[in-house]
Protein backbone atom coordinates (compact mmCIF):
# COMPACT_ATOMS: atom_id res chain seq x y z
CA UNK A 1 -133.44 145.16 -0.87
CA UNK A 2 -132.18 141.87 -2.37
CA UNK A 3 -131.85 138.69 -0.38
CA UNK A 4 -128.40 137.52 0.63
CA UNK A 5 -127.55 133.85 0.59
CA UNK A 6 -124.37 132.74 2.31
CA UNK A 7 -122.47 129.56 1.49
CA UNK A 8 -120.25 127.35 3.60
CA UNK A 9 -118.07 124.47 2.37
CA UNK A 10 -116.76 121.87 4.76
CA UNK A 11 -114.72 118.81 3.96
CA UNK A 12 -115.54 116.29 6.65
CA UNK A 13 -112.17 115.37 8.17
CA UNK A 14 -113.38 114.51 11.67
CA UNK A 15 -113.33 110.94 12.90
CA UNK A 16 -113.74 109.52 9.41
CA UNK A 17 -112.06 109.97 6.06
CA UNK A 18 -113.32 112.74 3.75
CA UNK A 19 -113.68 109.97 1.16
CA UNK A 20 -116.84 107.89 1.07
CA UNK A 21 -117.74 105.03 -1.22
CA UNK A 22 -120.15 106.06 -3.97
CA UNK A 23 -123.54 104.44 -3.46
CA UNK A 24 -125.21 102.16 -5.98
CA UNK A 25 -127.82 104.90 -6.53
CA UNK A 26 -125.28 107.70 -7.17
CA UNK A 27 -122.71 105.72 -9.18
CA UNK A 28 -124.52 105.96 -12.56
CA UNK A 29 -124.94 109.72 -12.12
CA UNK A 30 -121.18 110.10 -11.66
CA UNK A 31 -120.16 107.51 -14.25
CA UNK A 32 -118.41 105.48 -11.53
CA UNK A 33 -118.67 101.96 -10.18
CA UNK A 34 -120.53 101.55 -6.88
CA UNK A 35 -118.07 101.55 -3.98
CA UNK A 36 -115.53 103.79 -5.73
CA UNK A 37 -114.05 106.21 -3.15
CA UNK A 38 -115.07 109.83 -3.75
CA UNK A 39 -114.16 113.03 -1.90
CA UNK A 40 -117.24 114.35 -0.11
CA UNK A 41 -118.02 117.91 0.88
CA UNK A 42 -120.90 119.18 2.96
CA UNK A 43 -122.43 122.46 1.77
CA UNK A 44 -124.80 124.64 3.76
CA UNK A 45 -126.53 127.71 2.34
CA UNK A 46 -128.24 130.22 4.59
CA UNK A 47 -130.32 133.36 4.20
CA UNK A 48 -129.74 136.85 5.60
CA UNK A 49 -131.38 135.79 8.89
CA UNK A 50 -129.06 132.84 9.43
CA UNK A 51 -131.66 130.21 8.53
CA UNK A 52 -130.39 127.24 6.53
CA UNK A 53 -132.14 127.18 3.15
CA UNK A 54 -130.24 124.29 1.56
CA UNK A 55 -128.04 121.43 2.72
CA UNK A 56 -126.12 119.20 0.32
CA UNK A 57 -123.48 116.50 0.37
CA UNK A 58 -121.37 116.61 -2.79
CA UNK A 59 -119.36 113.70 -4.20
CA UNK A 60 -116.26 114.43 -6.29
CA UNK A 61 -115.01 111.36 -8.16
CA UNK A 62 -111.37 110.39 -8.62
CA UNK A 63 -109.52 112.40 -11.26
CA UNK A 64 -112.03 115.28 -11.27
CA UNK A 65 -111.42 118.88 -10.30
CA UNK A 66 -113.69 121.28 -8.50
CA UNK A 67 -113.67 125.00 -9.21
CA UNK A 68 -115.92 127.97 -8.52
CA UNK A 69 -116.04 131.57 -9.66
CA UNK A 70 -117.28 134.44 -7.54
CA UNK A 71 -117.78 138.10 -8.39
CA UNK A 72 -116.18 140.13 -5.60
CA UNK A 73 -117.32 143.57 -6.69
C-alpha cells in the first residue's frame, strides 16, 4: 500500500503581518533586495501516521503569483 503524505498551508496572520522582510541570505535567491516585504506561508507535510515529515516557510515576492495543481481522481 502506498504512503500518503498530507499537506497543510497556513498564512501567518496572527499577531504579526503575513509579510516579512526578505533576509540578506534569501534575497539573491528571489532576485529581490534584502528587506523587501514578501508574503510568507508556513507549510507542513505529514505522513499517514500524522508525523510531520517536512516543515517549510515559503517567501513569495511582490508581483509574483502562486499556483498549484492537484489530481483529484
